[in-house]
């Protein structure tokens, strides 16, 4: 299980290129530094913000909480624990808020 390992990834996005002073859409790639986390289990957490998703997840026996900016017109609610792995790449390191509530890292049925 990977928890906060610094990696260099290739990011592809759409941008504007120019040819003879005429703009046209084109794909651009760049190298970015990201921090890799493998969360299992994970869940959504309550957030009123229409521009933020909020989550909690377990990685390496610790519980992490993070959010990222994204359009969410009704905010996010408290969701159930999802017992699947989520590979998440963060722009910066994520701080632990305590121990994972599940001893073996899985969801108790």
N, C-alpha and C. Protein backbone atom coordinates (compact mmCIF):
# COMPACT_ATOMS: atom_id res chain seq x y z
N UNK A 1 0.85 -1.18 0.00
CA UNK A 1 0.00 0.00 0.00
C UNK A 1 0.89 1.24 0.00
N UNK A 2 0.65 2.14 -0.92
CA UNK A 2 1.45 3.34 -1.08
C UNK A 2 0.78 4.50 -0.36
N UNK A 3 1.55 5.19 0.50
CA UNK A 3 1.00 6.31 1.27
C UNK A 3 1.91 7.52 1.20
N UNK A 4 1.63 8.42 0.29
CA UNK A 4 2.37 9.67 0.20
C UNK A 4 3.71 9.59 -0.49
N UNK A 5 3.87 8.67 -1.43
CA UNK A 5 5.11 8.54 -2.17
C UNK A 5 5.15 9.60 -3.27
N UNK A 6 6.25 10.34 -3.31
CA UNK A 6 6.40 11.41 -4.32
C UNK A 6 6.73 10.77 -5.66
N UNK A 7 5.96 11.15 -6.70
CA UNK A 7 6.16 10.62 -8.04
C UNK A 7 6.07 11.74 -9.06
N UNK A 8 6.74 11.55 -10.18
CA UNK A 8 6.63 12.48 -11.31
C UNK A 8 5.70 11.83 -12.32
N UNK A 9 4.62 12.53 -12.67
CA UNK A 9 3.64 12.00 -13.61
C UNK A 9 3.50 12.95 -14.80
N UNK A 10 3.06 12.38 -15.93
CA UNK A 10 2.81 13.18 -17.12
C UNK A 10 1.34 13.58 -17.12
N UNK A 11 1.08 14.88 -17.20
CA UNK A 11 -0.28 15.41 -17.19
C UNK A 11 -0.58 15.97 -18.57
N UNK A 12 -1.70 15.54 -19.14
CA UNK A 12 -2.13 16.02 -20.46
C UNK A 12 -3.38 16.87 -20.30
N UNK A 13 -3.39 18.03 -20.95
CA UNK A 13 -4.54 18.92 -20.87
C UNK A 13 -4.70 19.65 -22.21
N UNK A 14 -5.88 20.22 -22.37
CA UNK A 14 -6.14 21.02 -23.57
C UNK A 14 -5.69 22.45 -23.33
N UNK A 15 -5.11 23.05 -24.35
CA UNK A 15 -4.65 24.42 -24.25
C UNK A 15 -4.85 25.13 -25.58
N UNK A 16 -4.24 26.30 -25.70
CA UNK A 16 -4.33 27.09 -26.93
C UNK A 16 -2.94 27.18 -27.55
N UNK A 17 -2.85 26.84 -28.80
CA UNK A 17 -1.62 26.98 -29.56
C UNK A 17 -1.85 28.06 -30.63
N UNK A 18 -0.75 28.56 -31.17
CA UNK A 18 -0.86 29.64 -32.16
C UNK A 18 -0.11 29.27 -33.43
N UNK A 19 -0.72 29.57 -34.56
CA UNK A 19 -0.08 29.41 -35.86
C UNK A 19 -0.44 30.62 -36.72
N UNK A 20 0.55 31.39 -37.06
CA UNK A 20 0.33 32.58 -37.86
C UNK A 20 -0.73 33.48 -37.22
N UNK A 21 -0.60 33.75 -35.95
CA UNK A 21 -1.48 34.58 -35.12
C UNK A 21 -2.92 34.09 -35.06
N UNK A 22 -3.14 32.82 -35.38
CA UNK A 22 -4.47 32.22 -35.31
C UNK A 22 -4.46 31.18 -34.18
N UNK A 23 -5.31 31.38 -33.17
CA UNK A 23 -5.34 30.40 -32.08
C UNK A 23 -6.12 29.14 -32.48
N UNK A 24 -5.68 28.01 -31.98
CA UNK A 24 -6.40 26.75 -32.21
C UNK A 24 -6.20 25.85 -30.99
N UNK A 25 -7.17 24.98 -30.71
CA UNK A 25 -7.04 24.10 -29.54
C UNK A 25 -6.00 23.00 -29.81
N UNK A 26 -5.23 22.69 -28.79
CA UNK A 26 -4.25 21.62 -28.92
C UNK A 26 -4.01 20.98 -27.56
N UNK A 27 -3.48 19.77 -27.57
CA UNK A 27 -3.17 19.07 -26.34
C UNK A 27 -1.75 19.40 -25.92
N UNK A 28 -1.58 19.64 -24.61
CA UNK A 28 -0.26 19.93 -24.08
C UNK A 28 0.04 18.93 -22.97
N UNK A 29 1.28 18.53 -22.89
CA UNK A 29 1.70 17.63 -21.82
C UNK A 29 2.80 18.29 -21.01
N UNK A 30 2.83 17.96 -19.73
CA UNK A 30 3.86 18.49 -18.84
C UNK A 30 4.14 17.47 -17.74
N UNK A 31 5.28 17.60 -17.12
CA UNK A 31 5.67 16.73 -16.01
C UNK A 31 5.33 17.45 -14.70
N UNK A 32 4.62 16.77 -13.82
CA UNK A 32 4.21 17.34 -12.54
C UNK A 32 4.61 16.40 -11.41
N UNK A 33 4.87 16.97 -10.24
CA UNK A 33 5.14 16.17 -9.05
C UNK A 33 3.83 15.95 -8.32
N UNK A 34 3.51 14.69 -8.04
CA UNK A 34 2.29 14.33 -7.31
C UNK A 34 2.65 13.37 -6.19
N UNK A 35 1.75 13.23 -5.22
CA UNK A 35 1.93 12.32 -4.10
C UNK A 35 0.89 11.22 -4.20
N UNK A 36 1.35 9.98 -4.30
CA UNK A 36 0.50 8.83 -4.57
C UNK A 36 0.02 8.19 -3.26
N UNK A 37 -1.29 7.96 -3.18
CA UNK A 37 -1.92 7.29 -2.04
C UNK A 37 -2.82 6.18 -2.58
N UNK A 38 -2.81 5.03 -1.92
CA UNK A 38 -3.74 3.94 -2.21
C UNK A 38 -4.70 3.84 -1.03
N UNK A 39 -5.89 4.39 -1.16
CA UNK A 39 -6.87 4.38 -0.07
C UNK A 39 -7.78 3.18 -0.19
N UNK A 40 -7.92 2.45 0.94
CA UNK A 40 -8.89 1.36 1.03
C UNK A 40 -9.14 1.07 2.49
N UNK A 41 -10.32 1.22 2.96
CA UNK A 41 -11.52 1.76 2.33
C UNK A 41 -11.49 3.29 2.34
N UNK A 42 -12.50 3.89 1.71
CA UNK A 42 -12.64 5.34 1.67
C UNK A 42 -14.13 5.69 1.69
N UNK A 43 -14.43 6.97 1.97
CA UNK A 43 -15.83 7.43 2.01
C UNK A 43 -15.91 8.93 1.79
N UNK A 44 -17.07 9.40 1.36
CA UNK A 44 -17.31 10.84 1.25
C UNK A 44 -17.67 11.38 2.62
N UNK A 45 -17.39 12.64 2.84
CA UNK A 45 -17.71 13.30 4.10
C UNK A 45 -18.54 14.54 3.81
N UNK A 46 -19.25 15.00 4.83
CA UNK A 46 -20.17 16.12 4.67
C UNK A 46 -19.44 17.42 4.33
N UNK A 47 -19.95 18.13 3.33
CA UNK A 47 -19.42 19.44 2.95
C UNK A 47 -20.57 20.26 2.35
N UNK A 48 -20.76 21.47 2.85
CA UNK A 48 -21.78 22.37 2.30
C UNK A 48 -21.33 23.04 1.02
N UNK A 49 -20.04 23.09 0.79
CA UNK A 49 -19.50 23.86 -0.32
C UNK A 49 -19.93 23.33 -1.67
N UNK A 50 -20.43 24.19 -2.56
CA UNK A 50 -20.80 23.74 -3.91
C UNK A 50 -19.57 23.57 -4.82
N UNK A 51 -18.39 23.86 -4.29
CA UNK A 51 -17.18 23.78 -5.10
C UNK A 51 -16.12 22.84 -4.53
N UNK A 52 -16.51 21.96 -3.61
CA UNK A 52 -15.51 21.11 -2.96
C UNK A 52 -16.06 19.72 -2.68
N UNK A 53 -15.27 18.70 -3.00
CA UNK A 53 -15.55 17.33 -2.60
C UNK A 53 -14.67 17.03 -1.38
N UNK A 54 -15.21 16.35 -0.39
CA UNK A 54 -14.46 16.04 0.82
C UNK A 54 -14.50 14.52 1.05
N UNK A 55 -13.35 13.93 1.41
CA UNK A 55 -13.22 12.49 1.57
C UNK A 55 -12.40 12.12 2.80
N UNK A 56 -12.56 10.86 3.23
CA UNK A 56 -11.69 10.23 4.21
C UNK A 56 -11.30 8.88 3.65
N UNK A 57 -10.09 8.43 3.97
CA UNK A 57 -9.65 7.12 3.51
C UNK A 57 -8.54 6.57 4.38
N UNK A 58 -8.42 5.25 4.37
CA UNK A 58 -7.39 4.57 5.14
C UNK A 58 -6.23 4.19 4.23
N UNK A 59 -5.02 4.40 4.74
CA UNK A 59 -3.81 4.03 4.01
C UNK A 59 -2.75 3.69 5.04
N UNK A 60 -2.23 2.48 4.98
CA UNK A 60 -1.17 2.08 5.90
C UNK A 60 -1.58 2.12 7.37
N UNK A 61 -2.85 1.86 7.67
CA UNK A 61 -3.31 1.85 9.05
C UNK A 61 -3.67 3.22 9.61
N UNK A 62 -3.50 4.28 8.82
CA UNK A 62 -3.84 5.64 9.25
C UNK A 62 -5.05 6.16 8.49
N UNK A 63 -5.78 7.07 9.12
CA UNK A 63 -6.95 7.69 8.51
C UNK A 63 -6.56 9.07 8.00
N UNK A 64 -6.85 9.33 6.74
CA UNK A 64 -6.54 10.62 6.11
C UNK A 64 -7.83 11.31 5.72
N UNK A 65 -7.81 12.65 5.72
CA UNK A 65 -8.96 13.44 5.27
C UNK A 65 -8.45 14.49 4.31
N UNK A 66 -9.11 14.64 3.16
CA UNK A 66 -8.68 15.59 2.16
C UNK A 66 -9.88 16.08 1.37
N UNK A 67 -9.69 17.16 0.66
CA UNK A 67 -10.74 17.68 -0.21
C UNK A 67 -10.08 18.21 -1.46
N UNK A 68 -10.88 18.33 -2.51
CA UNK A 68 -10.38 18.95 -3.73
C UNK A 68 -11.50 19.75 -4.37
N UNK A 69 -11.12 20.72 -5.16
CA UNK A 69 -12.09 21.63 -5.78
C UNK A 69 -12.69 20.99 -7.01
N UNK A 70 -14.03 20.97 -7.02
CA UNK A 70 -14.79 20.43 -8.14
C UNK A 70 -16.23 20.89 -7.97
N UNK A 71 -16.92 21.10 -9.05
CA UNK A 71 -18.31 21.53 -8.99
C UNK A 71 -19.16 20.44 -8.35
N UNK A 72 -19.83 20.79 -7.28
CA UNK A 72 -20.70 19.88 -6.54
C UNK A 72 -21.89 20.70 -6.06
N UNK A 73 -22.91 20.90 -6.91
CA UNK A 73 -23.97 21.86 -6.60
C UNK A 73 -24.69 21.62 -5.28
N UNK A 74 -24.73 20.40 -4.78
CA UNK A 74 -25.42 20.12 -3.53
C UNK A 74 -24.45 19.76 -2.42
N UNK A 75 -23.15 20.02 -2.61
CA UNK A 75 -22.16 19.64 -1.61
C UNK A 75 -21.97 18.13 -1.61
N UNK A 76 -21.37 17.61 -0.57
CA UNK A 76 -21.23 16.16 -0.44
C UNK A 76 -21.79 15.74 0.91
N UNK A 77 -22.32 14.56 0.97
CA UNK A 77 -22.89 14.04 2.20
C UNK A 77 -21.99 12.99 2.83
N UNK A 78 -22.42 12.45 3.95
CA UNK A 78 -21.70 11.37 4.60
C UNK A 78 -22.08 10.06 3.92
N UNK A 79 -21.14 9.49 3.21
CA UNK A 79 -21.41 8.25 2.50
C UNK A 79 -20.90 7.04 3.27
N UNK A 80 -21.26 5.84 2.82
CA UNK A 80 -20.79 4.63 3.48
C UNK A 80 -19.32 4.37 3.11
N UNK A 81 -18.67 3.55 3.89
CA UNK A 81 -17.31 3.13 3.56
C UNK A 81 -17.37 2.26 2.31
N UNK A 82 -16.49 2.53 1.36
CA UNK A 82 -16.40 1.76 0.12
C UNK A 82 -15.15 0.91 0.20
N UNK A 83 -15.31 -0.40 0.16
CA UNK A 83 -14.19 -1.32 0.33
C UNK A 83 -13.55 -1.69 -1.00
N UNK A 84 -13.10 -0.67 -1.73
CA UNK A 84 -12.32 -0.86 -2.94
C UNK A 84 -11.13 0.08 -2.88
N UNK A 85 -10.09 -0.26 -3.61
CA UNK A 85 -8.90 0.59 -3.59
C UNK A 85 -9.09 1.79 -4.52
N UNK A 86 -8.67 2.95 -4.03
CA UNK A 86 -8.70 4.17 -4.83
C UNK A 86 -7.28 4.71 -4.90
N UNK A 87 -6.69 4.71 -6.09
CA UNK A 87 -5.37 5.29 -6.29
C UNK A 87 -5.58 6.79 -6.50
N UNK A 88 -5.06 7.58 -5.57
CA UNK A 88 -5.27 9.03 -5.60
C UNK A 88 -3.93 9.73 -5.67
N UNK A 89 -3.82 10.70 -6.57
CA UNK A 89 -2.61 11.49 -6.73
C UNK A 89 -2.91 12.92 -6.29
N UNK A 90 -2.27 13.35 -5.22
CA UNK A 90 -2.51 14.67 -4.64
C UNK A 90 -1.42 15.65 -5.07
N UNK A 91 -1.78 16.93 -5.13
CA UNK A 91 -0.79 17.97 -5.45
C UNK A 91 0.21 18.16 -4.32
N UNK A 92 -0.20 17.85 -3.08
CA UNK A 92 0.68 18.00 -1.91
C UNK A 92 0.41 16.83 -0.96
N UNK A 93 1.23 16.72 0.06
CA UNK A 93 1.03 15.63 1.01
C UNK A 93 -0.26 15.86 1.80
N UNK A 94 -0.85 14.76 2.23
CA UNK A 94 -2.09 14.80 3.00
C UNK A 94 -1.77 14.37 4.42
N UNK A 95 -2.24 15.12 5.39
CA UNK A 95 -1.96 14.80 6.79
C UNK A 95 -2.92 13.76 7.34
N UNK A 96 -2.39 12.92 8.21
CA UNK A 96 -3.21 11.90 8.87
C UNK A 96 -3.98 12.56 10.01
N UNK A 97 -5.23 12.10 10.24
CA UNK A 97 -6.04 12.63 11.33
C UNK A 97 -6.24 11.60 12.44
N UNK A 98 -5.56 10.46 12.33
CA UNK A 98 -5.68 9.43 13.37
C UNK A 98 -5.49 8.05 12.79
N UNK A 99 -5.85 7.05 13.58
CA UNK A 99 -5.76 5.66 13.14
C UNK A 99 -7.00 5.27 12.35
N UNK A 100 -6.81 4.36 11.41
CA UNK A 100 -7.93 3.83 10.64
C UNK A 100 -8.89 3.10 11.59
N UNK A 101 -10.20 3.29 11.47
CA UNK A 101 -11.13 2.62 12.37
C UNK A 101 -11.26 1.12 12.14
N UNK A 102 -10.60 0.59 11.12
CA UNK A 102 -10.64 -0.83 10.82
C UNK A 102 -9.26 -1.41 11.05
N UNK A 103 -9.15 -2.38 11.93
CA UNK A 103 -7.87 -2.96 12.31
C UNK A 103 -7.08 -3.55 11.16
N UNK A 104 -7.74 -4.26 10.25
CA UNK A 104 -7.04 -4.91 9.16
C UNK A 104 -7.04 -4.07 7.88
N UNK A 105 -7.57 -2.85 7.94
CA UNK A 105 -7.62 -1.99 6.77
C UNK A 105 -8.85 -2.22 5.91
N UNK A 106 -9.65 -3.25 6.18
CA UNK A 106 -10.85 -3.52 5.41
C UNK A 106 -12.10 -3.09 6.17
N UNK A 107 -13.21 -3.10 5.51
CA UNK A 107 -14.49 -2.71 6.12
C UNK A 107 -15.07 -3.89 6.89
N UNK A 108 -15.47 -3.64 8.11
CA UNK A 108 -16.09 -4.69 8.92
C UNK A 108 -17.53 -4.85 8.46
N UNK A 109 -17.92 -6.08 8.11
CA UNK A 109 -19.27 -6.33 7.61
C UNK A 109 -20.23 -6.54 8.74
